[in-house]
PDB file of N, CA and C in Angstrom:
ATOM      1  N   MET A   1      -7.586  66.173  18.402  1.00  0.00           N
ATOM      2  CA  MET A   1      -6.780  64.706  18.342  1.00  0.00           C
ATOM      3  C   MET A   1      -6.213  63.478  17.584  1.00  0.00           C
ATOM      4  N   ASP A   2      -4.650  63.766  17.856  1.00  0.00           N
ATOM      5  CA  ASP A   2      -4.002  63.131  16.608  1.00  0.00           C
ATOM      6  C   ASP A   2      -4.404  60.725  16.188  1.00  0.00           C
ATOM      7  N   PHE A   3      -4.744  60.426  14.995  1.00  0.00           N
ATOM      8  CA  PHE A   3      -5.377  58.845  15.713  1.00  0.00           C
ATOM      9  C   PHE A   3      -3.905  58.434  14.850  1.00  0.00           C
ATOM     10  N   LYS A   4      -3.100  57.677  15.963  1.00  0.00           N
ATOM     11  CA  LYS A   4      -1.506  57.302  15.178  1.00  0.00           C
ATOM     12  C   LYS A   4      -1.988  55.343  14.198  1.00  0.00           C
ATOM     13  N   ARG A   5      -2.114  55.013  13.390  1.00  0.00           N
ATOM     14  CA  ARG A   5      -2.550  53.481  12.712  1.00  0.00           C
ATOM     15  C   ARG A   5      -1.963  52.516  14.064  1.00  0.00           C
ATOM     16  N   ILE A   6      -2.372  51.279  13.899  1.00  0.00           N
ATOM     17  CA  ILE A   6      -2.151  50.876  14.496  1.00  0.00           C
ATOM     18  C   ILE A   6      -1.647  49.175  13.704  1.00  0.00           C
ATOM     19  N   ASP A   7      -0.292  48.810  13.727  1.00  0.00           N
ATOM     20  CA  ASP A   7       0.778  47.550  12.558  1.00  0.00           C
ATOM     21  C   ASP A   7      -0.920  46.092  12.995  1.00  0.00           C
ATOM     22  N   GLY A   8      -1.519  45.948  11.991  1.00  0.00           N
ATOM     23  CA  GLY A   8      -2.650  44.424  12.160  1.00  0.00           C
ATOM     24  C   GLY A   8      -3.515  44.808  12.051  1.00  0.00           C
ATOM     25  N   VAL A   9      -3.963  46.584  12.098  1.00  0.00           N
ATOM     26  CA  VAL A   9      -5.387  46.979  12.837  1.00  0.00           C
ATOM     27  C   VAL A   9      -5.980  47.174  11.711  1.00  0.00           C
ATOM     28  N   ALA A  10      -6.405  46.834  10.221  1.00  0.00           N
ATOM     29  CA  ALA A  10      -8.486  47.722  10.073  1.00  0.00           C
ATOM     30  C   ALA A  10      -8.503  48.717   9.819  1.00  0.00           C
ATOM     31  N   PRO A  11      -8.610  50.149   9.212  1.00  0.00           N
ATOM     32  CA  PRO A  11      -9.825  51.079   9.383  1.00  0.00           C
ATOM     33  C   PRO A  11     -11.080  50.248   9.754  1.00  0.00           C
ATOM     34  N   ALA A  12     -12.127  50.873   9.982  1.00  0.00           N
ATOM     35  CA  ALA A  12     -12.408  50.388  10.304  1.00  0.00           C
ATOM     36  C   ALA A  12     -13.856  50.141   9.382  1.00  0.00           C
ATOM     37  N   GLY A  13     -13.791  50.945   8.249  1.00  0.00           N
ATOM     38  CA  GLY A  13     -14.387  50.795   6.887  1.00  0.00           C
ATOM     39  C   GLY A  13     -14.096  49.432   6.239  1.00  0.00           C
ATOM     40  N   ARG A  14     -13.044  49.431   6.097  1.00  0.00           N
ATOM     41  CA  ARG A  14     -12.238  48.323   5.343  1.00  0.00           C
ATOM     42  C   ARG A  14     -12.666  46.865   6.224  1.00  0.00           C
ATOM     43  N   VAL A  15     -12.334  46.928   7.442  1.00  0.00           N
ATOM     44  CA  VAL A  15     -13.209  45.770   8.120  1.00  0.00           C
ATOM     45  C   VAL A  15     -14.001  45.538   7.770  1.00  0.00           C
ATOM     46  N   LYS A  16     -14.907  46.518   7.315  1.00  0.00           N
ATOM     47  CA  LYS A  16     -16.799  45.700   6.891  1.00  0.00           C
ATOM     48  C   LYS A  16     -16.726  45.768   5.943  1.00  0.00           C
ATOM     49  N   GLY A  17     -16.474  45.759   5.266  1.00  0.00           N
ATOM     50  CA  GLY A  17     -16.208  46.326   3.363  1.00  0.00           C
ATOM     51  C   GLY A  17     -15.789  44.254   3.477  1.00  0.00           C
ATOM     52  N   ILE A  18     -14.605  44.204   3.732  1.00  0.00           N
ATOM     53  CA  ILE A  18     -14.243  42.908   3.652  1.00  0.00           C
ATOM     54  C   ILE A  18     -15.358  41.892   4.102  1.00  0.00           C
ATOM     55  N   GLY A  19     -15.600  41.669   5.146  1.00  0.00           N
ATOM     56  CA  GLY A  19     -16.421  40.983   5.191  1.00  0.00           C
ATOM     57  C   GLY A  19     -18.580  41.091   4.358  1.00  0.00           C
ATOM     58  N   SER A  20     -18.453  42.499   4.243  1.00  0.00           N
ATOM     59  CA  SER A  20     -19.535  41.891   3.190  1.00  0.00           C
ATOM     60  C   SER A  20     -19.105  41.178   1.746  1.00  0.00           C
ATOM     61  N   GLU A  21     -17.632  41.743   1.870  1.00  0.00           N
ATOM     62  CA  GLU A  21     -17.475  41.147   0.902  1.00  0.00           C
ATOM     63  C   GLU A  21     -16.979  39.389   0.044  1.00  0.00           C
ATOM     64  N   GLN A  22     -17.576  39.153   2.203  1.00  0.00           N
ATOM     65  CA  GLN A  22     -17.508  37.722   2.179  1.00  0.00           C
ATOM     66  C   GLN A  22     -18.874  36.784   2.669  1.00  0.00           C
ATOM     67  N   SER A  23     -18.841  37.803   2.920  1.00  0.00           N
ATOM     68  CA  SER A  23     -20.963  37.205   2.685  1.00  0.00           C
ATOM     69  C   SER A  23     -21.879  37.024   1.046  1.00  0.00           C
ATOM     70  N   ARG A  24     -21.462  38.553   0.271  1.00  0.00           N
ATOM     71  CA  ARG A  24     -21.338  37.684  -0.652  1.00  0.00           C
ATOM     72  C   ARG A  24     -21.203  36.647  -1.392  1.00  0.00           C
ATOM     73  N   ARG A  25     -20.006  36.782  -1.432  1.00  0.00           N
ATOM     74  CA  ARG A  25     -19.505  35.284  -1.954  1.00  0.00           C
ATOM     75  C   ARG A  25     -20.046  34.020  -1.654  1.00  0.00           C
ATOM     76  N   ASN A  26     -20.596  33.945   0.086  1.00  0.00           N
ATOM     77  CA  ASN A  26     -20.730  32.587   0.703  1.00  0.00           C
ATOM     78  C   ASN A  26     -22.484  32.688  -0.024  1.00  0.00           C
ATOM     79  N   ARG A  27     -22.911  34.110   0.023  1.00  0.00           N
ATOM     80  CA  ARG A  27     -24.861  34.021  -0.622  1.00  0.00           C
ATOM     81  C   ARG A  27     -24.431  33.217  -2.603  1.00  0.00           C
ATOM     82  N   ASP A  28     -23.594  34.060  -3.052  1.00  0.00           N
ATOM     83  CA  ASP A  28     -23.441  33.446  -4.086  1.00  0.00           C
ATOM     84  C   ASP A  28     -22.860  32.468  -4.230  1.00  0.00           C
ATOM     85  N   GLN A  29     -21.883  31.268  -3.335  1.00  0.00           N
ATOM     86  CA  GLN A  29     -21.595  29.880  -3.191  1.00  0.00           C
ATOM     87  C   GLN A  29     -22.961  28.882  -3.252  1.00  0.00           C
ATOM     88  N   HIS A  30     -24.041  29.441  -2.101  1.00  0.00           N
ATOM     89  CA  HIS A  30     -24.953  28.313  -2.010  1.00  0.00           C
ATOM     90  C   HIS A  30     -25.712  28.435  -3.135  1.00  0.00           C
ATOM     91  N   HIS A  31     -25.833  29.921  -3.635  1.00  0.00           N
ATOM     92  CA  HIS A  31     -27.130  30.028  -5.151  1.00  0.00           C
ATOM     93  C   HIS A  31     -26.278  28.346  -6.677  1.00  0.00           C
ATOM     94  N   GLN A  32     -24.398  28.879  -6.333  1.00  0.00           N
ATOM     95  CA  GLN A  32     -24.359  28.327  -7.088  1.00  0.00           C
ATOM     96  C   GLN A  32     -24.345  26.378  -7.105  1.00  0.00           C
ATOM     97  N   ASP A  33     -24.383  26.338  -5.719  1.00  0.00           N
ATOM     98  CA  ASP A  33     -24.295  25.004  -5.426  1.00  0.00           C
ATOM     99  C   ASP A  33     -26.072  23.825  -5.119  1.00  0.00           C
ATOM    100  N   GLU A  34     -27.116  24.841  -4.685  1.00  0.00           N
ATOM    101  CA  GLU A  34     -28.425  24.726  -5.428  1.00  0.00           C
ATOM    102  C   GLU A  34     -28.865  25.247  -6.774  1.00  0.00           C
ATOM    103  N   GLU A  35     -27.710  25.385  -7.084  1.00  0.00           N
ATOM    104  CA  GLU A  35     -27.676  25.261  -8.707  1.00  0.00           C
ATOM    105  C   GLU A  35     -27.638  23.224  -9.465  1.00  0.00           C
ATOM    106  N   GLN A  36     -26.920  23.408  -8.902  1.00  0.00           N
ATOM    107  CA  GLN A  36     -25.791  22.217  -9.599  1.00  0.00           C
ATOM    108  C   GLN A  36     -25.515  21.267  -8.873  1.00  0.00           C
ATOM    109  N   PRO A  37     -27.304  20.567  -7.999  1.00  0.00           N
ATOM    110  CA  PRO A  37     -26.794  19.416  -7.024  1.00  0.00           C
ATOM    111  C   PRO A  37     -26.306  18.409  -8.462  1.00  0.00           C
ATOM    112  N   GLU A  38     -26.940  17.711  -9.089  1.00  0.00           N
ATOM    113  CA  GLU A  38     -26.937  16.488 -10.371  1.00  0.00           C
ATOM    114  C   GLU A  38     -25.682  16.503 -11.033  1.00  0.00           C
ATOM    115  N   GLU A  39     -24.985  18.155 -11.365  1.00  0.00           N
ATOM    116  CA  GLU A  39     -23.455  17.517 -11.463  1.00  0.00           C
ATOM    117  C   GLU A  39     -22.500  17.132 -10.068  1.00  0.00           C
ATOM    118  N   GLN A  40     -22.827  18.367  -8.939  1.00  0.00           N
ATOM    119  CA  GLN A  40     -21.999  17.103  -7.914  1.00  0.00           C
ATOM    120  C   GLN A  40     -22.820  16.010  -7.830  1.00  0.00           C
ATOM    121  N   ALA A  41     -23.500  16.048  -7.564  1.00  0.00           N
ATOM    122  CA  ALA A  41     -23.477  14.084  -7.463  1.00  0.00           C
ATOM    123  C   ALA A  41     -22.997  13.409  -8.513  1.00  0.00           C
ATOM    124  N   GLU A  42     -22.851  13.657  -9.603  1.00  0.00           N
ATOM    125  CA  GLU A  42     -21.982  12.915 -10.973  1.00  0.00           C
ATOM    126  C   GLU A  42     -20.035  13.219  -9.984  1.00  0.00           C
ATOM    127  N   HIS A  43     -20.036  13.787  -9.389  1.00  0.00           N
ATOM    128  CA  HIS A  43     -18.812  14.957  -9.671  1.00  0.00           C
ATOM    129  C   HIS A  43     -18.248  13.380  -8.153  1.00  0.00           C
ATOM    130  N   GLN A  44     -19.680  13.831  -7.128  1.00  0.00           N
ATOM    131  CA  GLN A  44     -19.051  12.504  -6.085  1.00  0.00           C
ATOM    132  C   GLN A  44     -19.239  10.625  -6.135  1.00  0.00           C
ATOM    133  N   GLU A  45     -19.747  10.337  -7.173  1.00  0.00           N
ATOM    134  CA  GLU A  45     -20.426   8.948  -7.671  1.00  0.00           C
ATOM    135  C   GLU A  45     -18.671   8.608  -8.791  1.00  0.00           C
ATOM    136  N   LEU A  46     -18.179  10.091  -9.482  1.00  0.00           N
ATOM    137  CA  LEU A  46     -16.987   9.497  -9.902  1.00  0.00           C
ATOM    138  C   LEU A  46     -16.161   9.185  -8.457  1.00  0.00           C
ATOM    139  N   HIS A  47     -16.200  10.329  -7.671  1.00  0.00           N
ATOM    140  CA  HIS A  47     -15.170   9.744  -6.709  1.00  0.00           C
ATOM    141  C   HIS A  47     -14.937   8.806  -6.051  1.00  0.00           C
ATOM    142  N   ASP A  48     -16.390   8.574  -5.931  1.00  0.00           N
ATOM    143  CA  ASP A  48     -16.360   7.010  -5.052  1.00  0.00           C
ATOM    144  C   ASP A  48     -16.481   5.409  -5.938  1.00  0.00           C
ATOM    145  N   LEU A  49     -16.879   5.838  -7.229  1.00  0.00           N
ATOM    146  CA  LEU A  49     -15.988   4.560  -8.107  1.00  0.00           C
ATOM    147  C   LEU A  49     -13.740   4.901  -8.129  1.00  0.00           C
ATOM    148  N   VAL A  50     -13.230   5.604  -7.958  1.00  0.00           N
ATOM    149  CA  VAL A  50     -12.475   5.764  -8.321  1.00  0.00           C
ATOM    150  C   VAL A  50     -11.825   5.508  -6.415  1.00  0.00           C
ATOM    151  N   SER A  51     -11.967   6.034  -5.822  1.00  0.00           N
ATOM    152  CA  SER A  51     -11.560   6.009  -4.536  1.00  0.00           C
ATOM    153  C   SER A  51     -11.727   3.389  -3.909  1.00  0.00           C
ATOM    154  N   LEU A  52     -13.306   3.552  -4.746  1.00  0.00           N
ATOM    155  CA  LEU A  52     -13.615   1.681  -4.478  1.00  0.00           C
ATOM    156  C   LEU A  52     -12.706   1.263  -5.427  1.00  0.00           C
ATOM    157  N   ALA A  53     -11.979   1.433  -6.083  1.00  0.00           N
ATOM    158  CA  ALA A  53     -10.719   1.567  -7.436  1.00  0.00           C
ATOM    159  C   ALA A  53      -9.458   1.240  -7.320  1.00  0.00           C
ATOM    160  N   SER A  54      -9.064   2.180  -6.479  1.00  0.00           N
ATOM    161  CA  SER A  54      -8.251   2.567  -5.098  1.00  0.00           C
ATOM    162  C   SER A  54      -8.150   1.599  -4.211  1.00  0.00           C
ATOM    163  N   LEU A  55      -8.997   1.091  -3.761  1.00  0.00           N
ATOM    164  CA  LEU A  55      -9.025  -0.077  -2.502  1.00  0.00           C
ATOM    165  C   LEU A  55      -9.043  -1.659  -3.414  1.00  0.00           C
ATOM    166  N   ASN A  56      -9.461  -1.242  -4.637  1.00  0.00           N
ATOM    167  CA  ASN A  56      -9.635  -2.941  -4.576  1.00  0.00           C
ATOM    168  C   ASN A  56      -7.896  -3.292  -5.455  1.00  0.00           C
ATOM    169  N   ALA A  57      -6.888  -2.139  -5.911  1.00  0.00           N
ATOM    170  CA  ALA A  57      -6.539  -2.077  -5.941  1.00  0.00           C
ATOM    171  C   ALA A  57      -4.512  -2.463  -4.790  1.00  0.00           C
ATOM    172  N   VAL A  58      -5.396  -1.720  -4.091  1.00  0.00           N
ATOM    173  CA  VAL A  58      -4.647  -1.886  -2.695  1.00  0.00           C
ATOM    174  C   VAL A  58      -4.848  -3.569  -1.712  1.00  0.00           C
ATOM    175  N   GLU A  59      -6.138  -4.097  -1.896  1.00  0.00           N
ATOM    176  CA  GLU A  59      -6.266  -5.589  -1.344  1.00  0.00           C
ATOM    177  C   GLU A  59      -5.698  -6.428  -2.572  1.00  0.00           C
ATOM    178  N   GLU A  60      -5.965  -6.551  -3.787  1.00  0.00           N
ATOM    179  CA  GLU A  60      -5.157  -7.259  -4.749  1.00  0.00           C
ATOM    180  C   GLU A  60      -3.175  -7.322  -4.724  1.00  0.00           C
ATOM    181  N   LEU A  61      -3.243  -5.710  -4.153  1.00  0.00           N
ATOM    182  CA  LEU A  61      -1.480  -5.784  -3.757  1.00  0.00           C
ATOM    183  C   LEU A  61      -1.091  -6.261  -2.623  1.00  0.00           C
ATOM    184  N   VAL A  62      -1.929  -6.065  -1.619  1.00  0.00           N
ATOM    185  CA  VAL A  62      -1.459  -7.097   0.386  1.00  0.00           C
ATOM    186  C   VAL A  62      -1.974  -8.666   0.412  1.00  0.00           C
ATOM    187  N   GLN A  63      -3.061  -8.084  -1.173  1.00  0.00           N
ATOM    188  CA  GLN A  63      -3.633  -9.894  -0.296  1.00  0.00           C
ATOM    189  C   GLN A  63      -2.212 -11.045  -0.037  1.00  0.00           C
ATOM    190  N   THR A  64      -2.592 -11.884   0.010  1.00  0.00           N
ATOM    191  CA  THR A  64      -1.332 -12.995   0.875  1.00  0.00           C
ATOM    192  C   THR A  64      -0.993 -14.145   0.053  1.00  0.00           C
ATOM    193  N   ARG A  65      -0.297 -14.198  -0.219  1.00  0.00           N
ATOM    194  CA  ARG A  65      -0.699 -14.654  -1.643  1.00  0.00           C
ATOM    195  C   ARG A  65       0.687 -16.334  -0.885  1.00  0.00           C
ATOM    196  N   ILE A  66      -0.352 -17.119  -1.331  1.00  0.00           N
ATOM    197  CA  ILE A  66       0.098 -18.691  -0.344  1.00  0.00           C
ATOM    198  C   ILE A  66       0.935 -19.866  -1.371  1.00  0.00           C
ATOM    199  N   VAL A  67       1.978 -20.583  -2.047  1.00  0.00           N
ATOM    200  CA  VAL A  67       2.940 -21.510  -2.309  1.00  0.00           C
ATOM    201  C   VAL A  67       1.963 -22.263  -2.419  1.00  0.00           C
ATOM    202  N   ARG A  68       1.137 -23.245  -2.333  1.00  0.00           N
ATOM    203  CA  ARG A  68       1.489 -24.463  -1.469  1.00  0.00           C
ATOM    204  C   ARG A  68       2.443 -25.480  -2.973  1.00  0.00           C
ATOM    205  N   VAL A  69       3.179 -26.522  -2.044  1.00  0.00           N
ATOM    206  CA  VAL A  69       3.934 -26.902  -2.674  1.00  0.00           C
ATOM    207  C   VAL A  69       3.726 -28.950  -2.375  1.00  0.00           C
ATOM    208  N   GLU A  70       4.012 -30.102  -2.856  1.00  0.00           N
ATOM    209  CA  GLU A  70       5.274 -31.044  -2.317  1.00  0.00           C
ATOM    210  C   GLU A  70       6.291 -30.992  -1.674  1.00  0.00           C
ATOM    211  N   GLN A  71       5.977 -32.302  -1.126  1.00  0.00           N
ATOM    212  CA  GLN A  71       7.515 -32.048  -0.331  1.00  0.00           C
ATOM    213  C   GLN A  71       8.562 -31.718  -1.375  1.00  0.00           C
ATOM    214  N   LYS A  72       9.103 -32.303  -2.511  1.00  0.00           N
ATOM    215  CA  LYS A  72       9.148 -33.274  -3.236  1.00  0.00           C
ATOM    216  C   LYS A  72       9.995 -31.985  -4.372  1.00  0.00           C
ATOM    217  N   SER A  73       9.270 -31.378  -4.116  1.00  0.00           N
ATOM    218  CA  SER A  73       9.957 -29.411  -4.999  1.00  0.00           C
ATOM    219  C   SER A  73       9.724 -28.042  -4.167  1.00  0.00           C
ATOM    220  N   GLU A  74      10.092 -28.374  -2.631  1.00  0.00           N
ATOM    221  CA  GLU A  74       9.535 -27.025  -1.523  1.00  0.00           C
ATOM    222  C   GLU A  74      10.774 -26.619  -1.741  1.00  0.00           C
ATOM    223  N   GLU A  75      12.788 -27.053  -2.369  1.00  0.00           N
ATOM    224  CA  GLU A  75      13.315 -26.494  -2.619  1.00  0.00           C
ATOM    225  C   GLU A  75      12.293 -25.269  -3.345  1.00  0.00           C
ATOM    226  N   GLU A  76      12.314 -25.561  -5.040  1.00  0.00           N
ATOM    227  CA  GLU A  76      11.817 -24.537  -6.287  1.00  0.00           C
ATOM    228  C   GLU A  76      10.280 -23.290  -5.096  1.00  0.00           C
ATOM    229  N   ALA A  77       9.686 -23.620  -4.430  1.00  0.00           N
ATOM    230  CA  ALA A  77       9.720 -23.020  -4.044  1.00  0.00           C
ATOM    231  C   ALA A  77      10.011 -22.051  -3.084  1.00  0.00           C
ATOM    232  N   GLU A  78      10.651 -22.269  -1.668  1.00  0.00           N
ATOM    233  CA  GLU A  78      11.606 -21.239  -1.302  1.00  0.00           C
ATOM    234  C   GLU A  78      11.286 -20.559  -1.988  1.00  0.00           C
ATOM    235  N   LYS A  79      12.279 -19.931  -3.182  1.00  0.00           N
ATOM    236  CA  LYS A  79      12.948 -19.407  -4.615  1.00  0.00           C
ATOM    237  C   LYS A  79      11.576 -17.549  -4.276  1.00  0.00           C
ATOM    238  N   HIS A  80      10.487 -18.250  -4.276  1.00  0.00           N
ATOM    239  CA  HIS A  80       8.628 -18.354  -5.018  1.00  0.00           C
ATOM    240  C   HIS A  80       8.675 -17.112  -4.113  1.00  0.00           C
ATOM    241  N   PRO A  81       8.393 -15.573  -4.378  1.00  0.00           N
ATOM    242  CA  PRO A  81       8.663 -14.161  -2.867  1.00  0.00           C
ATOM    243  C   PRO A  81       7.205 -14.297  -2.823  1.00  0.00           C
ATOM    244  N   HIS A  82       5.865 -15.257  -2.573  1.00  0.00           N
ATOM    245  CA  HIS A  82       5.487 -15.879  -1.667  1.00  0.00           C
ATOM    246  C   HIS A  82       5.094 -16.442  -1.272  1.00  0.00           C
ATOM    247  N   PHE A  83       6.569 -16.689  -1.096  1.00  0.00           N
ATOM    248  CA  PHE A  83       5.690 -18.813  -0.176  1.00  0.00           C
ATOM    249  C   PHE A  83       5.551 -18.629   1.326  1.00  0.00           C
ATOM    250  N   ASP A  84       5.518 -19.393   1.470  1.00  0.00           N
ATOM    251  CA  ASP A  84       4.730 -19.400   3.087  1.00  0.00           C
ATOM    252  C   ASP A  84       5.236 -21.124   3.768  1.00  0.00           C
ATOM    253  N   ARG A  85       5.638 -21.046   4.341  1.00  0.00           N
ATOM    254  CA  ARG A  85       6.750 -22.621   5.140  1.00  0.00           C
ATOM    255  C   ARG A  85       4.735 -23.425   6.188  1.00  0.00           C
ATOM    256  N   THR A  86       4.368 -22.145   5.837  1.00  0.00           N
ATOM    257  CA  THR A  86       3.670 -22.380   7.254  1.00  0.00           C
ATOM    258  C   THR A  86       2.024 -23.316   6.793  1.00  0.00           C
ATOM    259  N   VAL A  87       1.479 -23.533   5.277  1.00  0.00           N
ATOM    260  CA  VAL A  87       0.979 -24.084   4.692  1.00  0.00           C
ATOM    261  C   VAL A  87       1.004 -26.024   5.288  1.00  0.00           C
TER     262      VAL A  87
END
């Protein structure tokens, strides 16, 4: 009996080899994850600090800025980039 190769399908032995390699990598990664909880906690803390700093910077940029003026200086205030007539 003559077997022909089907494109996109790996021989059975090769599939098993890839699967076992993936299992080994998963076990190794799990082992490394258990060994480094302090490092991960530190990384998460740094990530949180950067996120908080980014949010604060964005909040500062988008804050509504209101320029309060007296009637006599309204023309000057209108030239200000944050002038708001509703005040």
